[in-house]
Amino acid sequence: MLVLASASPRRRELLTQAGFEFQLFPANIPEVRRPNEDPATFAVRLAQEKAQSVFDQLASREQPGTILVLGADTIVVTAEEILGKPEDAADAARMLRLLSGRMHDVITGVCLISEQTTEVATETTSVTVRKISEKEIAAYVASGEPMDKAGAYAIQGYAARWIPRVEGCYFNVVGLPVALVASMIERYDLRSSGEAVLSGAIV
């Protein structure tokens, strides 16, 4: 049983589009960066804490050997700071000003946990954003789209008009590096069954 430890509709849609069958069990952990923790380590730690929390809860009432939990966390990294989800409209506008006219990195930490193993990985994508006017920022924030997004934007939404270049995995910026996740799940399936994987789906 594949379980997605996330409430993100983007991650749910991406896994579904990729042909995976899974259940949702959102994790609830504090997303607080430790002192001097580098961005990739931060993203991986949060992904692992999410996956472990859900695995522990499910293992207490299911057969642990049947559970495979996927955790993920996406952050936006500028030269000045790590950007998570904005706290309010003013914070969203501040983040968009930081991204305007510059390149930034999007890092997703991924963790796959089963009874036998824990595997972690990261994916980094560089995103170039053209200059955004104050009028555009105000209108975008007012739309509500930035409020639950790391870095206060959705590349698959209205903000696409401001992004002329993406270097790396596009789906990583949406919220989940699908090819990386698929390879991790397929390796787990091979280890578990000892047979060739004919489909990406795990039931």
C-alpha atoms as a PDB file:
ATOM      1  CA  MET A   1       0.000   0.000   0.000  1.00  0.00           C
ATOM      2  CA  LEU A   2       1.552   3.284  -1.139  1.00  0.00           C
ATOM      3  CA  VAL A   3       0.668   6.203   1.141  1.00  0.00           C
ATOM      4  CA  LEU A   4       1.293   9.870   0.364  1.00  0.00           C
ATOM      5  CA  ALA A   5       2.102  11.765   3.570  1.00  0.00           C
ATOM      6  CA  SER A   6       0.938  15.105   2.192  1.00  0.00           C
ATOM      7  CA  ALA A   7      -2.181  17.227   1.861  1.00  0.00           C
ATOM      8  CA  SER A   8      -0.822  18.926  -1.281  1.00  0.00           C
ATOM      9  CA  PRO A   9      -3.285  18.704  -4.181  1.00  0.00           C
ATOM     10  CA  ARG A  10      -0.385  19.202  -6.597  1.00  0.00           C
ATOM     11  CA  ARG A  11       1.466  16.133  -5.337  1.00  0.00           C
ATOM     12  CA  ARG A  12      -1.745  14.105  -5.419  1.00  0.00           C
ATOM     13  CA  GLU A  13      -2.415  15.145  -9.023  1.00  0.00           C
ATOM     14  CA  LEU A  14       1.145  14.416 -10.162  1.00  0.00           C
ATOM     15  CA  LEU A  15       1.185  10.927  -8.632  1.00  0.00           C
ATOM     16  CA  THR A  16      -2.213  10.180 -10.149  1.00  0.00           C
ATOM     17  CA  GLN A  17      -1.146  11.417 -13.595  1.00  0.00           C
ATOM     18  CA  ALA A  18       1.932   9.187 -13.385  1.00  0.00           C
ATOM     19  CA  GLY A  19      -0.297   6.124 -12.892  1.00  0.00           C
ATOM     20  CA  PHE A  20       0.259   5.418  -9.207  1.00  0.00           C
ATOM     21  CA  GLU A  21      -2.440   4.120  -6.921  1.00  0.00           C
ATOM     22  CA  PHE A  22      -2.116   5.409  -3.370  1.00  0.00           C
ATOM     23  CA  GLN A  23      -3.881   6.552  -0.234  1.00  0.00           C
ATOM     24  CA  LEU A  24      -3.624   9.970   1.408  1.00  0.00           C
ATOM     25  CA  PHE A  25      -2.554  10.402   5.014  1.00  0.00           C
ATOM     26  CA  PRO A  26      -1.335  13.991   5.553  1.00  0.00           C
ATOM     27  CA  ALA A  27       1.421  14.498   8.116  1.00  0.00           C
ATOM     28  CA  ASN A  28       1.327  17.285  10.657  1.00  0.00           C
ATOM     29  CA  ILE A  29       4.819  18.287  11.769  1.00  0.00           C
ATOM     30  CA  PRO A  30       6.431  21.671  12.524  1.00  0.00           C
ATOM     31  CA  GLU A  31       8.359  22.982   9.518  1.00  0.00           C
ATOM     32  CA  VAL A  32      11.083  24.862  11.365  1.00  0.00           C
ATOM     33  CA  ARG A  33      14.631  25.152  10.099  1.00  0.00           C
ATOM     34  CA  ARG A  34      17.402  24.333  12.546  1.00  0.00           C
ATOM     35  CA  PRO A  35      20.287  26.789  13.085  1.00  0.00           C
ATOM     36  CA  ASN A  36      22.784  26.677  10.201  1.00  0.00           C
ATOM     37  CA  GLU A  37      20.884  23.835   8.500  1.00  0.00           C
ATOM     38  CA  ASP A  38      21.569  23.931   4.760  1.00  0.00           C
ATOM     39  CA  PRO A  39      18.567  23.978   2.383  1.00  0.00           C
ATOM     40  CA  ALA A  40      18.872  20.429   1.006  1.00  0.00           C
ATOM     41  CA  THR A  41      19.318  18.945   4.489  1.00  0.00           C
ATOM     42  CA  PHE A  42      16.310  20.927   5.705  1.00  0.00           C
ATOM     43  CA  ALA A  43      14.080  19.698   2.873  1.00  0.00           C
ATOM     44  CA  VAL A  44      15.145  16.066   3.314  1.00  0.00           C
ATOM     45  CA  ARG A  45      14.693  16.186   7.080  1.00  0.00           C
ATOM     46  CA  LEU A  46      11.150  17.501   6.762  1.00  0.00           C
ATOM     47  CA  ALA A  47      10.308  14.882   4.126  1.00  0.00           C
ATOM     48  CA  GLN A  48      11.666  12.118   6.366  1.00  0.00           C
ATOM     49  CA  GLU A  49       9.866  13.419   9.459  1.00  0.00           C
ATOM     50  CA  LYS A  50       6.584  13.515   7.533  1.00  0.00           C
ATOM     51  CA  ALA A  51       7.023  10.011   6.170  1.00  0.00           C
ATOM     52  CA  GLN A  52       8.158   8.574   9.513  1.00  0.00           C
ATOM     53  CA  SER A  53       5.267  10.155  11.407  1.00  0.00           C
ATOM     54  CA  VAL A  54       2.708   8.647   9.043  1.00  0.00           C
ATOM     55  CA  PHE A  55       4.472   5.271   8.900  1.00  0.00           C
ATOM     56  CA  ASP A  56       4.498   5.032  12.714  1.00  0.00           C
ATOM     57  CA  GLN A  57       0.795   5.867  12.917  1.00  0.00           C
ATOM     58  CA  LEU A  58      -0.191   3.347  10.246  1.00  0.00           C
ATOM     59  CA  ALA A  59       2.134   0.604  11.501  1.00  0.00           C
ATOM     60  CA  SER A  60       0.303   0.605  14.824  1.00  0.00           C
ATOM     61  CA  ARG A  61      -2.901  -0.561  13.116  1.00  0.00           C
ATOM     62  CA  GLU A  62      -1.803  -2.159   9.838  1.00  0.00           C
ATOM     63  CA  GLN A  63       0.670  -4.875   8.904  1.00  0.00           C
ATOM     64  CA  PRO A  64       3.929  -2.856   8.751  1.00  0.00           C
ATOM     65  CA  GLY A  65       5.242  -4.989   5.894  1.00  0.00           C
ATOM     66  CA  THR A  66       2.434  -3.816   3.624  1.00  0.00           C
ATOM     67  CA  ILE A  67       3.044  -0.076   4.071  1.00  0.00           C
ATOM     68  CA  LEU A  68       5.173   2.175   1.859  1.00  0.00           C
ATOM     69  CA  VAL A  69       5.042   5.874   2.818  1.00  0.00           C
ATOM     70  CA  LEU A  70       6.144   8.752   0.601  1.00  0.00           C
ATOM     71  CA  GLY A  71       7.033  12.083   2.217  1.00  0.00           C
ATOM     72  CA  ALA A  72       8.116  15.235   0.400  1.00  0.00           C
ATOM     73  CA  ASP A  73       8.904  18.844   1.157  1.00  0.00           C
ATOM     74  CA  THR A  74       9.562  21.641  -1.313  1.00  0.00           C
ATOM     75  CA  ILE A  75      11.407  24.874  -0.567  1.00  0.00           C
ATOM     76  CA  VAL A  76      12.463  27.880  -2.636  1.00  0.00           C
ATOM     77  CA  VAL A  77      16.006  29.158  -2.126  1.00  0.00           C
ATOM     78  CA  THR A  78      17.246  32.651  -2.967  1.00  0.00           C
ATOM     79  CA  ALA A  79      20.605  34.236  -2.211  1.00  0.00           C
ATOM     80  CA  GLU A  80      19.073  35.794   0.908  1.00  0.00           C
ATOM     81  CA  GLU A  81      16.862  33.131   2.437  1.00  0.00           C
ATOM     82  CA  ILE A  82      14.841  29.940   2.228  1.00  0.00           C
ATOM     83  CA  LEU A  83      11.226  30.600   1.289  1.00  0.00           C
ATOM     84  CA  GLY A  84       8.444  28.337   2.483  1.00  0.00           C
ATOM     85  CA  LYS A  85       4.741  29.133   2.304  1.00  0.00           C
ATOM     86  CA  PRO A  86       3.877  32.789   2.973  1.00  0.00           C
ATOM     87  CA  GLU A  87       2.388  33.662   6.341  1.00  0.00           C
ATOM     88  CA  ASP A  88       0.027  36.277   4.911  1.00  0.00           C
ATOM     89  CA  ALA A  89      -0.537  38.548   1.907  1.00  0.00           C
ATOM     90  CA  ALA A  90       2.255  40.931   2.892  1.00  0.00           C
ATOM     91  CA  ASP A  91       4.712  38.044   3.205  1.00  0.00           C
ATOM     92  CA  ALA A  92       3.642  36.693  -0.193  1.00  0.00           C
ATOM     93  CA  ALA A  93       4.291  40.097  -1.791  1.00  0.00           C
ATOM     94  CA  ARG A  94       7.696  40.272  -0.081  1.00  0.00           C
ATOM     95  CA  MET A  95       8.652  36.852  -1.461  1.00  0.00           C
ATOM     96  CA  LEU A  96       7.599  37.778  -4.984  1.00  0.00           C
ATOM     97  CA  ARG A  97       9.740  40.916  -4.833  1.00  0.00           C
ATOM     98  CA  LEU A  98      12.714  38.743  -3.826  1.00  0.00           C
ATOM     99  CA  LEU A  99      12.151  36.462  -6.829  1.00  0.00           C
ATOM    100  CA  SER A 100      11.459  39.249  -9.345  1.00  0.00           C
ATOM    101  CA  GLY A 101      14.089  39.607 -12.067  1.00  0.00           C
ATOM    102  CA  ARG A 102      16.308  36.879 -10.670  1.00  0.00           C
ATOM    103  CA  MET A 103      17.096  33.164 -10.703  1.00  0.00           C
ATOM    104  CA  HIS A 104      16.329  30.926  -7.722  1.00  0.00           C
ATOM    105  CA  ASP A 105      16.466  27.231  -6.871  1.00  0.00           C
ATOM    106  CA  VAL A 106      13.574  24.955  -5.981  1.00  0.00           C
ATOM    107  CA  ILE A 107      14.609  21.987  -3.836  1.00  0.00           C
ATOM    108  CA  THR A 108      12.370  19.048  -3.003  1.00  0.00           C
ATOM    109  CA  GLY A 109      13.391  16.528  -0.398  1.00  0.00           C
ATOM    110  CA  VAL A 110      11.845  13.083  -0.860  1.00  0.00           C
ATOM    111  CA  CYS A 111      11.678  10.162   1.565  1.00  0.00           C
ATOM    112  CA  LEU A 112      10.324   6.654   1.017  1.00  0.00           C
ATOM    113  CA  ILE A 113       9.861   4.539   4.153  1.00  0.00           C
ATOM    114  CA  SER A 114       8.926   0.876   4.536  1.00  0.00           C
ATOM    115  CA  GLU A 115       9.457  -1.664   7.296  1.00  0.00           C
ATOM    116  CA  GLN A 116      12.700  -2.768   5.614  1.00  0.00           C
ATOM    117  CA  THR A 117      14.271   0.466   4.456  1.00  0.00           C
ATOM    118  CA  THR A 118      14.372   4.263   4.403  1.00  0.00           C
ATOM    119  CA  GLU A 119      15.528   6.020   1.241  1.00  0.00           C
ATOM    120  CA  VAL A 120      15.986   9.777   0.830  1.00  0.00           C
ATOM    121  CA  ALA A 121      16.870  11.960  -2.136  1.00  0.00           C
ATOM    122  CA  THR A 122      16.708  15.542  -3.363  1.00  0.00           C
ATOM    123  CA  GLU A 123      15.932  17.238  -6.660  1.00  0.00           C
ATOM    124  CA  THR A 124      17.027  20.789  -7.493  1.00  0.00           C
ATOM    125  CA  THR A 125      15.621  22.927 -10.307  1.00  0.00           C
ATOM    126  CA  SER A 126      16.744  26.449 -11.248  1.00  0.00           C
ATOM    127  CA  VAL A 127      13.985  28.897 -12.188  1.00  0.00           C
ATOM    128  CA  THR A 128      14.388  32.291 -13.862  1.00  0.00           C
ATOM    129  CA  VAL A 129      11.741  34.920 -13.146  1.00  0.00           C
ATOM    130  CA  ARG A 130      11.364  38.077 -15.223  1.00  0.00           C
ATOM    131  CA  LYS A 131      10.823  41.451 -13.589  1.00  0.00           C
ATOM    132  CA  ILE A 132       7.388  41.640 -11.943  1.00  0.00           C
ATOM    133  CA  SER A 133       5.753  45.016 -11.404  1.00  0.00           C
ATOM    134  CA  GLU A 134       4.184  46.067  -8.117  1.00  0.00           C
ATOM    135  CA  LYS A 135       0.807  46.140  -9.846  1.00  0.00           C
ATOM    136  CA  GLU A 136       1.258  42.544 -11.008  1.00  0.00           C
ATOM    137  CA  ILE A 137       2.370  41.436  -7.552  1.00  0.00           C
ATOM    138  CA  ALA A 138      -0.645  43.072  -5.899  1.00  0.00           C
ATOM    139  CA  ALA A 139      -3.084  41.484  -8.351  1.00  0.00           C
ATOM    140  CA  TYR A 140      -1.489  38.051  -7.990  1.00  0.00           C
ATOM    141  CA  VAL A 141      -1.528  38.144  -4.204  1.00  0.00           C
ATOM    142  CA  ALA A 142      -5.159  39.287  -4.279  1.00  0.00           C
ATOM    143  CA  SER A 143      -6.031  36.214  -6.386  1.00  0.00           C
ATOM    144  CA  GLY A 144      -5.094  33.970  -3.444  1.00  0.00           C
ATOM    145  CA  GLU A 145      -3.020  31.608  -5.601  1.00  0.00           C
ATOM    146  CA  PRO A 146       0.303  32.270  -3.807  1.00  0.00           C
ATOM    147  CA  MET A 147      -0.905  31.592  -0.294  1.00  0.00           C
ATOM    148  CA  ASP A 148      -0.261  27.841   0.024  1.00  0.00           C
ATOM    149  CA  LYS A 149       2.770  27.670  -2.277  1.00  0.00           C
ATOM    150  CA  ALA A 150       6.453  27.598  -1.381  1.00  0.00           C
ATOM    151  CA  GLY A 151       7.940  30.851  -2.632  1.00  0.00           C
ATOM    152  CA  ALA A 152       4.436  32.305  -3.068  1.00  0.00           C
ATOM    153  CA  TYR A 153       3.914  31.210  -6.672  1.00  0.00           C
ATOM    154  CA  ALA A 154       2.536  28.355  -8.760  1.00  0.00           C
ATOM    155  CA  ILE A 155       4.504  27.676 -11.932  1.00  0.00           C
ATOM    156  CA  GLN A 156       1.524  25.748 -13.328  1.00  0.00           C
ATOM    157  CA  GLY A 157      -0.783  28.695 -12.675  1.00  0.00           C
ATOM    158  CA  TYR A 158      -0.889  32.417 -13.409  1.00  0.00           C
ATOM    159  CA  ALA A 159       2.789  32.864 -12.502  1.00  0.00           C
ATOM    160  CA  ALA A 160       3.811  30.862 -15.591  1.00  0.00           C
ATOM    161  CA  ARG A 161       3.758  34.134 -17.556  1.00  0.00           C
ATOM    162  CA  TRP A 162       6.723  35.382 -15.528  1.00  0.00           C
ATOM    163  CA  ILE A 163       8.975  32.340 -15.948  1.00  0.00           C
ATOM    164  CA  PRO A 164      10.939  32.234 -19.222  1.00  0.00           C
ATOM    165  CA  ARG A 165      13.374  29.500 -18.225  1.00  0.00           C
ATOM    166  CA  VAL A 166      13.430  26.336 -16.120  1.00  0.00           C
ATOM    167  CA  GLU A 167      16.631  24.306 -15.787  1.00  0.00           C
ATOM    168  CA  GLY A 168      15.900  20.835 -14.458  1.00  0.00           C
ATOM    169  CA  CYS A 169      12.734  18.973 -13.569  1.00  0.00           C
ATOM    170  CA  TYR A 170       9.620  21.088 -14.163  1.00  0.00           C
ATOM    171  CA  PHE A 171       7.462  18.826 -11.984  1.00  0.00           C
ATOM    172  CA  ASN A 172       9.829  19.446  -9.094  1.00  0.00           C
ATOM    173  CA  VAL A 173       8.756  23.097  -9.163  1.00  0.00           C
ATOM    174  CA  VAL A 174       5.098  22.039  -9.168  1.00  0.00           C
ATOM    175  CA  GLY A 175       5.795  20.071  -5.990  1.00  0.00           C
ATOM    176  CA  LEU A 176       7.083  16.568  -6.729  1.00  0.00           C
ATOM    177  CA  PRO A 177       9.983  15.300  -8.908  1.00  0.00           C
ATOM    178  CA  VAL A 178       7.944  12.524 -10.507  1.00  0.00           C
ATOM    179  CA  ALA A 179      10.739  10.687 -12.324  1.00  0.00           C
ATOM    180  CA  LEU A 180      12.882  10.586  -9.167  1.00  0.00           C
ATOM    181  CA  VAL A 181       9.969   9.334  -7.058  1.00  0.00           C
ATOM    182  CA  ALA A 182       9.037   6.708  -9.656  1.00  0.00           C
ATOM    183  CA  SER A 183      12.593   5.344  -9.712  1.00  0.00           C
ATOM    184  CA  MET A 184      12.628   5.114  -5.905  1.00  0.00           C
ATOM    185  CA  ILE A 185       9.308   3.258  -5.826  1.00  0.00           C
ATOM    186  CA  GLU A 186      10.387   0.921  -8.602  1.00  0.00           C
ATOM    187  CA  ARG A 187      13.621   0.076  -6.765  1.00  0.00           C
ATOM    188  CA  TYR A 188      11.575  -0.727  -3.672  1.00  0.00           C
ATOM    189  CA  ASP A 189       9.241  -2.912  -5.744  1.00  0.00           C
ATOM    190  CA  LEU A 190      12.190  -4.796  -7.218  1.00  0.00           C
ATOM    191  CA  ARG A 191      13.734  -5.366  -3.788  1.00  0.00           C
ATOM    192  CA  SER A 192      10.406  -6.551  -2.387  1.00  0.00           C
ATOM    193  CA  SER A 193       9.388  -8.902  -5.193  1.00  0.00           C
ATOM    194  CA  GLY A 194      12.653  -9.772  -6.887  1.00  0.00           C
ATOM    195  CA  GLU A 195      10.792  -9.420 -10.198  1.00  0.00           C
ATOM    196  CA  ALA A 196      10.917  -6.905 -12.989  1.00  0.00           C
ATOM    197  CA  VAL A 197       8.602  -3.922 -12.623  1.00  0.00           C
ATOM    198  CA  LEU A 198       6.054  -3.875 -15.446  1.00  0.00           C
ATOM    199  CA  SER A 199       4.064  -0.911 -14.145  1.00  0.00           C
ATOM    200  CA  GLY A 200       4.719   2.137 -11.998  1.00  0.00           C
ATOM    201  CA  ALA A 201       1.587   1.442  -9.977  1.00  0.00           C
ATOM    202  CA  ILE A 202       1.724  -0.018  -6.512  1.00  0.00           C
ATOM    203  CA  VAL A 203      -1.509  -1.267  -4.963  1.00  0.00           C
END
